[in-house]
N, C-alpha and C. Protein backbone atom coordinates (compact mmCIF):
# COMPACT_ATOMS: atom_id res chain seq x y z
N UNK A 1 114.75 94.15 84.89
CA UNK A 1 114.85 95.02 83.72
C UNK A 1 113.47 95.24 83.08
N UNK A 2 113.32 96.35 82.42
CA UNK A 2 112.04 96.66 81.77
C UNK A 2 111.76 95.63 80.68
N UNK A 3 112.80 95.23 79.96
CA UNK A 3 112.61 94.26 78.87
C UNK A 3 112.09 92.94 79.41
N UNK A 4 112.66 92.50 80.52
CA UNK A 4 112.24 91.23 81.11
C UNK A 4 110.78 91.32 81.54
N UNK A 5 110.41 92.44 82.15
CA UNK A 5 109.02 92.61 82.59
C UNK A 5 108.09 92.63 81.39
N UNK A 6 108.51 93.30 80.32
CA UNK A 6 107.69 93.39 79.11
C UNK A 6 107.47 92.01 78.52
N UNK A 7 108.53 91.22 78.46
CA UNK A 7 108.44 89.87 77.91
C UNK A 7 107.51 89.02 78.77
N UNK A 8 107.63 89.17 80.08
CA UNK A 8 106.78 88.39 80.99
C UNK A 8 105.32 88.79 80.82
N UNK A 9 105.08 90.09 80.71
CA UNK A 9 103.71 90.58 80.54
C UNK A 9 103.13 90.06 79.22
N UNK A 10 103.92 90.10 78.14
CA UNK A 10 103.45 89.63 76.84
C UNK A 10 103.12 88.14 76.91
N UNK A 11 103.93 87.37 77.66
CA UNK A 11 103.68 85.93 77.81
C UNK A 11 102.31 85.72 78.43
N UNK A 12 101.96 86.53 79.40
CA UNK A 12 100.65 86.41 80.05
C UNK A 12 99.54 86.73 79.07
N UNK A 13 99.73 87.76 78.24
CA UNK A 13 98.72 88.14 77.24
C UNK A 13 98.55 87.02 76.23
N UNK A 14 99.67 86.49 75.75
CA UNK A 14 99.62 85.42 74.76
C UNK A 14 98.88 84.20 75.32
N UNK A 15 99.16 83.88 76.58
CA UNK A 15 98.51 82.73 77.21
C UNK A 15 97.00 82.97 77.30
N UNK A 16 96.61 84.20 77.67
CA UNK A 16 95.19 84.52 77.79
C UNK A 16 94.49 84.35 76.45
N UNK A 17 95.12 84.83 75.39
CA UNK A 17 94.53 84.71 74.05
C UNK A 17 94.38 83.25 73.66
N UNK A 18 95.39 82.44 73.93
CA UNK A 18 95.33 81.02 73.59
C UNK A 18 94.21 80.33 74.37
N UNK A 19 94.07 80.70 75.65
CA UNK A 19 93.01 80.09 76.47
C UNK A 19 91.64 80.45 75.91
N UNK A 20 91.49 81.68 75.40
CA UNK A 20 90.20 82.10 74.84
C UNK A 20 89.90 81.34 73.56
N UNK A 21 90.92 81.15 72.73
CA UNK A 21 90.70 80.46 71.45
C UNK A 21 90.32 79.00 71.67
N UNK A 22 90.87 78.39 72.70
CA UNK A 22 90.60 76.96 72.92
C UNK A 22 89.33 76.74 73.73
């Protein structure tokens, strides 16, 4: 589903941001 893909993509973005902050 598009929603599932969107959630998965956002999870990747969130992880990238957290990695940059740390």
